[in-house]
Amino acid sequence: MEPSKAFRAVIVGGSVGGLAAAHELRAVGAEIAVYERSAGRMEARGAGIVMQPEVEALLVGLGTSARAVSVELRERQRLHRDGRAERYEAPQLMTAWDALYRTLREPLAGVCYRLDSALKRVRVEAGEVTAEFADGHTAQGHFLVGADGIGSATRQLLDHAVHPSYAGYVAWRGLEQESALPGDLLELLTGRFTFFGSDGLQMLCYLVPGPEGQLAEGSRRVNWVWYTNVPEHALPRLLDSRSGKSYTTFLPPGEMLPETATELAATADASLPPQFAQLVERSEVFMQPVFDLRPHRMVADHAALIGDAAGTVRPHTASGTSKAFGDAAGLAAALHGWAPGQNLPAARLADWERERLTHLVMLSRAGIDLANRSSLGTATGRRFFVPR
């Protein structure tokens, strides 16, 4: 595409999904600008990421590889309540949000990437999109991409009738330096995907790259997630923070109240294998309630939604990041060859939306089925952290 014919893409959301869209759209000739609502350093809200083909394809396109940003696992092991382990061979690559973010962000150093940009309004006039932000800044382009997650302001502006719903359970998480853990615990976890499940809970753990992408032994991190059923009325108490800030979808590291940490440690001792209970007690825990956002639509007038902004999948599918990357690649393909002044490629966009919504529905159902197998989010599953 000739530079004079390039369309300008305004991308709302500067996490890994928005960065994937930036790379994919730039590859088909678009001029891009990215707007992120966070005012400072981006928070790693998922921590560990299972490497999937869609992510690997983009990395290869950027001249790197999945192995360059991943820790390689050899086995899977299931822990029993008494700490015994059953193992089998299962090679897999694991990366981390910050390692992936850095790999995608650095090649875009010369591109507009504006922080503290909370979207407030979108207007489409004469084939141009104007995005207005809370601080008064405006951005103009020919196409807008909403990659701003489950709490998407873009989605609310395009379709205010769709809202996330609580799935009935939360994800407690930790991300600890391997060098800070005792040798026997590290020996058990290194090179393995470790998991445990019982009624109303599930926990898994694996190593990921260090905070600067380090892969050398001793400089990596241990990533874990522990799902437990929690009644919705208990969420506000568990989301109360040390700083007094009001959180609804994410309690950051360091913000958990001491009394919640004590309750969490006691619950871990009473319900997890001893190795996992020890890991929880040694970690600076953060927490995310799990939400469902039903698939509805992805295309609007000169705009599209991708990733969690369009609809969620449960984390058990290990597909949240890869789905966003697949959305971005397909959207770029649908817009390839389009130029300002031309009619939008409506048929290609409709085909893209239909294919991605079908994929999203399939993943959503698969994720709910996986959750149900551990009685996560079900009416009959055991509940934890029930107020006395």
Protein backbone atom coordinates (compact mmCIF):
# COMPACT_ATOMS: atom_id res chain seq x y z
CA MET A 1 0.00 0.00 0.00
CA GLU A 2 1.39 3.42 -0.92
CA PRO A 3 2.05 5.74 2.06
CA SER A 4 -0.44 8.28 0.73
CA LYS A 5 -3.09 5.58 0.61
CA ALA A 6 -2.46 4.18 4.09
CA PHE A 7 -5.36 4.21 6.49
CA ARG A 8 -4.85 5.41 10.05
CA ALA A 9 -5.80 2.98 12.80
CA VAL A 10 -6.59 4.20 16.31
CA ILE A 11 -6.03 1.33 18.76
CA VAL A 12 -7.65 1.68 22.18
CA GLY A 13 -5.86 -0.57 24.66
CA GLY A 14 -2.11 -0.89 25.02
CA SER A 15 -1.75 -4.37 26.52
CA VAL A 16 -0.51 -7.35 24.50
CA GLY A 17 -3.73 -7.61 22.45
CA GLY A 18 -3.52 -3.97 21.40
CA LEU A 19 0.17 -4.36 20.58
CA ALA A 20 -0.61 -7.44 18.49
CA ALA A 21 -3.19 -5.39 16.57
CA ALA A 22 -0.61 -2.64 16.09
CA HIS A 23 1.89 -5.06 14.54
CA GLU A 24 -0.67 -6.85 12.36
CA LEU A 25 -2.17 -3.62 11.03
CA ARG A 26 1.21 -2.05 10.43
CA ALA A 27 2.16 -5.16 8.43
CA VAL A 28 -0.69 -4.43 5.98
CA GLY A 29 0.39 -0.80 5.60
CA ALA A 30 -1.66 1.04 8.21
CA GLU A 31 -0.42 4.01 10.21
CA ILE A 32 -1.08 3.22 13.86
CA ALA A 33 -1.46 4.98 17.19
CA VAL A 34 -2.09 3.21 20.51
CA TYR A 35 -3.95 4.70 23.48
CA GLU A 36 -3.79 3.08 26.93
CA ARG A 37 -5.92 4.15 29.90
CA SER A 38 -3.28 3.22 32.53
CA ALA A 39 -1.41 6.26 33.75
CA GLY A 40 1.85 4.51 34.60
CA ARG A 41 3.58 1.16 34.34
CA MET A 42 1.32 -1.53 32.89
CA GLU A 43 0.26 -4.18 35.42
CA ALA A 44 0.80 -7.85 34.53
CA ARG A 45 -2.74 -9.00 35.18
CA GLY A 46 -2.34 -12.58 34.05
CA ALA A 47 1.35 -13.24 34.81
CA GLY A 48 1.84 -16.66 33.17
CA ILE A 49 0.88 -17.36 29.55
CA VAL A 50 0.84 -20.71 27.78
CA MET A 51 2.52 -20.37 24.39
CA GLN A 52 0.00 -20.93 21.58
CA PRO A 53 0.36 -21.01 17.76
CA GLU A 54 -1.18 -17.55 17.20
CA VAL A 55 1.33 -15.95 19.56
CA GLU A 56 4.24 -17.89 18.08
CA ALA A 57 3.25 -16.83 14.55
CA LEU A 58 3.44 -13.15 15.42
CA LEU A 59 6.77 -13.60 17.21
CA VAL A 60 8.23 -15.29 14.14
CA GLY A 61 6.95 -12.43 12.00
CA LEU A 62 8.86 -10.03 14.26
CA GLY A 63 12.07 -11.96 13.75
CA THR A 64 12.15 -13.78 17.08
CA SER A 65 10.82 -17.12 18.33
CA ALA A 66 8.63 -18.62 21.02
CA ARG A 67 11.66 -20.20 22.72
CA ALA A 68 13.35 -16.81 23.04
CA VAL A 69 10.64 -15.65 25.47
CA SER A 70 9.63 -18.96 27.08
CA VAL A 71 10.60 -21.49 29.71
CA GLU A 72 10.46 -25.07 28.44
CA LEU A 73 8.64 -27.68 30.52
CA ARG A 74 9.24 -31.42 30.21
CA GLU A 75 6.49 -33.02 32.29
CA ARG A 76 3.09 -32.63 33.86
CA GLN A 77 2.54 -33.73 37.43
CA ARG A 78 -0.58 -34.11 39.48
CA LEU A 79 -0.24 -33.61 43.19
CA HIS A 80 -2.36 -35.51 45.68
CA ARG A 81 -3.66 -33.91 48.84
CA ASP A 82 -0.88 -35.61 50.83
CA GLY A 83 1.80 -34.22 48.48
CA ARG A 84 2.48 -37.35 46.40
CA ALA A 85 3.08 -36.66 42.69
CA GLU A 86 2.08 -38.56 39.53
CA ARG A 87 4.08 -37.54 36.45
CA TYR A 88 3.98 -37.99 32.69
CA GLU A 89 5.86 -36.52 29.76
CA ALA A 90 4.29 -33.38 28.25
CA PRO A 91 6.67 -30.84 26.63
CA GLN A 92 5.32 -27.27 26.64
CA LEU A 93 6.52 -23.66 26.41
CA MET A 94 5.49 -21.06 29.00
CA THR A 95 5.98 -17.32 28.82
CA ALA A 96 4.88 -14.36 30.93
CA TRP A 97 2.82 -11.26 30.25
CA ASP A 98 5.70 -8.86 30.84
CA ALA A 99 8.13 -10.85 28.67
CA LEU A 100 5.62 -10.86 25.83
CA TYR A 101 4.69 -7.22 26.36
CA ARG A 102 8.34 -6.14 26.18
CA THR A 103 8.95 -8.18 23.02
CA LEU A 104 5.96 -6.55 21.29
CA ARG A 105 6.51 -3.04 22.66
CA GLU A 106 10.18 -2.51 21.79
CA PRO A 107 9.75 -2.68 17.97
CA LEU A 108 7.07 0.03 18.28
CA ALA A 109 9.35 2.54 20.01
CA GLY A 110 8.79 5.13 17.28
CA VAL A 111 5.01 4.72 17.20
CA CYS A 112 2.54 6.87 19.13
CA TYR A 113 1.80 5.04 22.40
CA ARG A 114 -0.04 7.37 24.75
CA LEU A 115 -0.72 6.52 28.41
CA ASP A 116 -3.39 8.00 30.70
CA SER A 117 -5.86 7.98 27.80
CA ALA A 118 -9.31 6.96 29.02
CA LEU A 119 -11.72 6.81 26.09
CA LYS A 120 -14.88 8.89 26.59
CA ARG A 121 -16.46 9.29 23.16
CA VAL A 122 -16.26 7.98 19.60
CA ARG A 123 -17.60 9.82 16.56
CA VAL A 124 -17.71 8.69 12.93
CA GLU A 125 -18.15 11.38 10.30
CA ALA A 126 -17.47 11.20 6.57
CA GLY A 127 -15.42 8.04 6.86
CA GLU A 128 -13.23 9.31 9.70
CA VAL A 129 -13.24 8.21 13.33
CA THR A 130 -12.58 10.65 16.14
CA ALA A 131 -11.72 9.28 19.58
CA GLU A 132 -12.05 11.69 22.50
CA PHE A 133 -10.27 10.99 25.78
CA ALA A 134 -10.95 12.10 29.34
CA ASP A 135 -8.02 14.54 29.41
CA GLY A 136 -9.34 16.41 26.36
CA HIS A 137 -6.98 14.80 23.86
CA THR A 138 -8.50 13.70 20.54
CA ALA A 139 -7.24 11.24 17.95
CA GLN A 140 -8.45 10.91 14.38
CA GLY A 141 -8.19 7.94 12.10
CA HIS A 142 -10.07 5.88 9.55
CA PHE A 143 -10.64 2.78 11.71
CA LEU A 144 -10.80 2.21 15.46
CA VAL A 145 -9.83 -1.03 17.20
CA GLY A 146 -11.12 -1.67 20.72
CA ALA A 147 -8.55 -3.89 22.46
CA ASP A 148 -9.25 -2.56 25.94
CA GLY A 149 -10.20 -5.74 27.75
CA ILE A 150 -13.22 -6.97 29.66
CA GLY A 151 -13.98 -3.50 31.03
CA SER A 152 -13.83 -2.07 27.50
CA ALA A 153 -14.87 1.56 27.19
CA THR A 154 -14.95 1.01 23.43
CA ARG A 155 -17.55 -1.73 23.79
CA GLN A 156 -19.66 0.38 26.13
CA LEU A 157 -19.68 3.22 23.62
CA LEU A 158 -20.54 0.94 20.70
CA ASP A 159 -22.97 -1.40 22.50
CA HIS A 160 -23.84 -0.37 26.07
CA ALA A 161 -26.29 -3.24 26.62
CA VAL A 162 -23.62 -5.94 27.11
CA HIS A 163 -21.98 -6.28 30.53
CA PRO A 164 -19.68 -8.84 32.19
CA SER A 165 -21.15 -11.20 34.80
CA TYR A 166 -19.33 -12.82 37.71
CA ALA A 167 -18.61 -16.51 37.04
CA GLY A 168 -18.74 -17.56 40.69
CA TYR A 169 -15.04 -18.01 41.44
CA VAL A 170 -11.78 -16.11 41.71
CA ALA A 171 -8.17 -16.62 40.72
CA TRP A 172 -5.61 -16.09 43.48
CA ARG A 173 -2.19 -15.60 41.85
CA GLY A 174 1.46 -15.40 42.69
CA LEU A 175 4.64 -14.68 40.74
CA GLU A 176 7.79 -15.30 42.78
CA GLN A 177 11.50 -15.34 42.03
CA GLU A 178 12.70 -18.93 41.91
CA SER A 179 15.80 -17.93 43.87
CA ALA A 180 13.58 -16.96 46.84
CA LEU A 181 12.04 -20.44 47.20
CA PRO A 182 13.50 -23.37 49.16
CA GLY A 183 15.45 -25.92 47.17
CA ASP A 184 13.13 -28.89 47.75
CA LEU A 185 10.08 -26.94 46.56
CA LEU A 186 11.91 -25.61 43.52
CA GLU A 187 13.18 -29.08 42.64
CA LEU A 188 9.60 -30.34 42.62
CA LEU A 189 8.30 -27.53 40.38
CA THR A 190 11.16 -26.92 37.91
CA GLY A 191 10.55 -28.23 34.41
CA ARG A 192 7.01 -29.30 35.22
CA PHE A 193 3.42 -28.13 34.90
CA THR A 194 2.09 -28.99 38.37
CA PHE A 195 -1.61 -29.14 39.23
CA PHE A 196 -4.12 -30.17 41.88
CA GLY A 197 -7.91 -30.16 41.93
CA SER A 198 -10.77 -30.99 44.28
CA ASP A 199 -14.37 -29.92 44.74
CA GLY A 200 -14.64 -26.17 44.17
CA LEU A 201 -10.94 -25.48 43.67
CA GLN A 202 -8.09 -25.98 41.24
CA MET A 203 -4.44 -24.93 41.44
CA LEU A 204 -1.65 -25.01 38.87
CA CYS A 205 1.95 -23.85 38.74
CA TYR A 206 4.87 -23.51 36.30
CA LEU A 207 8.04 -21.48 35.78
CA VAL A 208 8.13 -18.43 33.48
CA PRO A 209 10.86 -15.98 32.39
CA GLY A 210 12.28 -13.48 34.88
CA PRO A 211 11.07 -9.86 35.11
CA GLU A 212 13.44 -8.76 32.34
CA GLY A 213 12.82 -11.87 30.25
CA GLN A 214 15.66 -13.90 31.85
CA LEU A 215 15.70 -17.61 31.05
CA ALA A 216 18.77 -18.72 33.00
CA GLU A 217 18.33 -21.02 35.97
CA GLY A 218 18.01 -19.00 39.16
CA SER A 219 16.65 -15.88 37.45
CA ARG A 220 13.24 -17.17 36.38
CA ARG A 221 9.96 -16.92 38.31
CA VAL A 222 7.43 -19.38 39.67
CA ASN A 223 3.92 -18.54 38.45
CA TRP A 224 0.88 -20.05 40.15
CA VAL A 225 -2.89 -19.62 40.07
CA TRP A 226 -5.39 -21.02 42.55
CA TYR A 227 -9.10 -20.96 41.62
CA THR A 228 -11.67 -21.12 44.41
CA ASN A 229 -15.42 -20.72 44.46
CA VAL A 230 -16.35 -17.50 46.25
CA PRO A 231 -19.93 -16.25 46.68
CA GLU A 232 -20.52 -12.92 44.98
CA HIS A 233 -21.48 -11.17 48.22
CA ALA A 234 -18.01 -11.99 49.62
CA LEU A 235 -16.11 -10.29 46.79
CA PRO A 236 -16.14 -6.71 48.16
CA ARG A 237 -14.53 -7.90 51.40
CA LEU A 238 -11.79 -9.82 49.55
CA LEU A 239 -11.16 -6.86 47.23
CA ASP A 240 -10.72 -4.40 50.10
CA SER A 241 -7.22 -2.95 49.87
CA ARG A 242 -4.43 -1.67 52.11
CA SER A 243 -4.41 1.64 50.25
CA GLY A 244 -8.16 2.13 50.52
CA LYS A 245 -8.54 2.16 46.75
CA SER A 246 -11.69 0.59 45.36
CA TYR A 247 -11.03 -2.47 43.20
CA THR A 248 -13.63 -4.53 41.35
CA THR A 249 -11.81 -6.64 38.74
CA PHE A 250 -8.24 -6.95 40.07
CA LEU A 251 -6.52 -6.72 43.46
CA PRO A 252 -2.86 -5.89 42.74
CA PRO A 253 0.16 -7.37 44.55
CA GLY A 254 0.78 -5.70 47.89
CA GLU A 255 -2.82 -4.56 48.33
CA MET A 256 -4.27 -7.56 50.17
CA LEU A 257 -5.41 -6.83 53.72
CA PRO A 258 -3.54 -8.71 56.51
CA GLU A 259 -6.74 -10.41 57.68
CA THR A 260 -7.44 -11.64 54.14
CA ALA A 261 -3.87 -12.96 53.85
CA THR A 262 -4.31 -14.84 57.15
CA GLU A 263 -7.59 -16.35 55.95
CA LEU A 264 -5.99 -17.28 52.63
CA ALA A 265 -3.08 -19.07 54.33
CA ALA A 266 -5.44 -21.00 56.61
CA THR A 267 -7.59 -22.04 53.64
CA ALA A 268 -4.46 -23.18 51.76
CA ASP A 269 -3.31 -25.28 54.72
CA ALA A 270 -6.73 -26.89 55.02
CA SER A 271 -7.36 -27.65 51.34
CA LEU A 272 -4.12 -27.83 49.29
CA PRO A 273 -1.17 -30.24 49.08
CA PRO A 274 1.52 -29.09 51.53
CA GLN A 275 3.86 -27.94 48.73
CA PHE A 276 1.18 -25.67 47.27
CA ALA A 277 0.19 -24.35 50.70
CA GLN A 278 3.84 -23.45 51.31
CA LEU A 279 4.00 -21.67 47.96
CA VAL A 280 0.90 -19.60 48.73
CA GLU A 281 2.26 -18.58 52.15
CA ARG A 282 5.59 -17.49 50.62
CA SER A 283 4.01 -15.35 47.90
CA GLU A 284 2.82 -11.79 47.52
CA VAL A 285 -0.65 -12.74 46.36
CA PHE A 286 -2.86 -10.84 43.94
CA MET A 287 -6.38 -11.73 42.88
CA GLN A 288 -8.76 -11.58 39.92
CA PRO A 289 -12.45 -12.47 40.00
CA VAL A 290 -13.39 -14.51 36.93
CA PHE A 291 -16.01 -12.92 34.69
CA ASP A 292 -17.99 -14.01 31.66
CA LEU A 293 -18.79 -11.65 28.81
CA ARG A 294 -21.03 -13.33 26.26
CA PRO A 295 -20.04 -12.99 22.61
CA HIS A 296 -22.27 -10.52 20.81
CA ARG A 297 -20.66 -8.48 18.03
CA MET A 298 -17.22 -7.44 16.88
CA VAL A 299 -17.81 -5.02 14.00
CA ALA A 300 -19.38 -1.54 14.06
CA ASP A 301 -19.12 1.49 11.77
CA HIS A 302 -15.39 1.94 11.08
CA ALA A 303 -14.62 0.07 14.30
CA ALA A 304 -14.01 -3.44 15.62
CA LEU A 305 -13.57 -5.17 18.98
CA ILE A 306 -10.92 -7.79 19.64
CA GLY A 307 -9.84 -9.96 22.57
CA ASP A 308 -11.75 -9.71 25.85
CA ALA A 309 -13.45 -6.52 24.66
CA ALA A 310 -15.45 -8.71 22.27
CA GLY A 311 -16.07 -11.58 24.70
CA THR A 312 -14.24 -13.69 27.24
CA VAL A 313 -13.09 -17.27 27.55
CA ARG A 314 -12.44 -18.94 30.90
CA PRO A 315 -8.74 -19.05 31.82
CA HIS A 316 -8.69 -22.88 31.82
CA THR A 317 -8.58 -22.85 28.02
CA ALA A 318 -5.19 -21.04 28.13
CA SER A 319 -6.49 -19.14 25.09
CA GLY A 320 -7.21 -15.60 26.23
CA THR A 321 -4.03 -14.11 24.74
CA SER A 322 -3.96 -16.31 21.65
CA LYS A 323 -7.60 -15.46 20.89
CA ALA A 324 -6.77 -11.75 20.90
CA PHE A 325 -3.78 -12.37 18.62
CA GLY A 326 -5.94 -14.42 16.25
CA ASP A 327 -8.56 -11.67 16.22
CA ALA A 328 -5.89 -9.10 15.34
CA ALA A 329 -4.39 -11.17 12.53
CA GLY A 330 -7.79 -11.82 10.96
CA LEU A 331 -8.86 -8.20 11.23
CA ALA A 332 -5.68 -7.04 9.50
CA ALA A 333 -6.25 -9.55 6.72
CA ALA A 334 -9.81 -8.27 6.26
CA LEU A 335 -8.59 -4.66 6.01
CA HIS A 336 -5.61 -5.43 3.76
CA GLY A 337 -5.77 -3.34 0.60
CA TRP A 338 -8.43 -0.95 1.90
CA ALA A 339 -7.65 2.76 1.59
CA PRO A 340 -9.28 5.98 2.84
CA GLY A 341 -12.02 7.19 0.55
CA GLN A 342 -13.03 3.66 -0.42
CA ASN A 343 -16.01 1.80 0.98
CA LEU A 344 -15.12 -0.43 3.87
CA PRO A 345 -14.57 -4.10 2.88
CA ALA A 346 -17.86 -4.96 4.55
CA ALA A 347 -18.09 -8.53 3.24
CA ARG A 348 -14.57 -9.39 4.44
CA LEU A 349 -15.24 -7.81 7.84
CA ALA A 350 -18.51 -9.74 8.14
CA ASP A 351 -16.70 -12.99 7.29
CA TRP A 352 -14.04 -12.19 9.88
CA GLU A 353 -16.63 -11.40 12.54
CA ARG A 354 -18.59 -14.59 11.82
CA GLU A 355 -15.48 -16.79 11.93
CA ARG A 356 -14.09 -15.23 15.11
CA LEU A 357 -17.44 -15.26 16.94
CA THR A 358 -17.85 -18.94 16.07
CA HIS A 359 -14.38 -19.59 17.45
CA LEU A 360 -15.13 -17.52 20.55
CA VAL A 361 -18.36 -19.37 21.28
CA MET A 362 -16.56 -22.70 20.95
CA LEU A 363 -13.78 -21.61 23.32
CA SER A 364 -16.28 -20.13 25.77
CA ARG A 365 -18.22 -23.39 25.97
CA ALA A 366 -15.02 -25.41 26.32
CA GLY A 367 -13.83 -23.17 29.16
CA ILE A 368 -17.10 -23.48 31.06
CA ASP A 369 -16.99 -27.26 30.62
CA LEU A 370 -13.44 -27.36 32.02
CA ALA A 371 -14.52 -25.24 34.99
CA ASN A 372 -17.52 -27.46 35.64
CA ARG A 373 -15.27 -30.51 35.93
CA SER A 374 -13.78 -28.97 39.07
CA SER A 375 -17.17 -27.60 40.19
CA LEU A 376 -15.88 -24.07 39.64
CA GLY A 377 -18.71 -21.57 39.32
CA THR A 378 -21.38 -24.25 39.76
CA ALA A 379 -24.28 -24.13 42.20
CA THR A 380 -23.22 -27.40 43.83
CA GLY A 381 -19.48 -26.80 44.19
CA ARG A 382 -17.89 -26.20 47.57
CA ARG A 383 -17.53 -22.51 48.45
CA PHE A 384 -14.65 -20.82 50.21
CA PHE A 385 -14.19 -17.49 52.02
CA VAL A 386 -17.84 -17.49 53.05
CA PRO A 387 -18.38 -14.74 55.65
CA ARG A 388 -19.11 -16.14 59.08
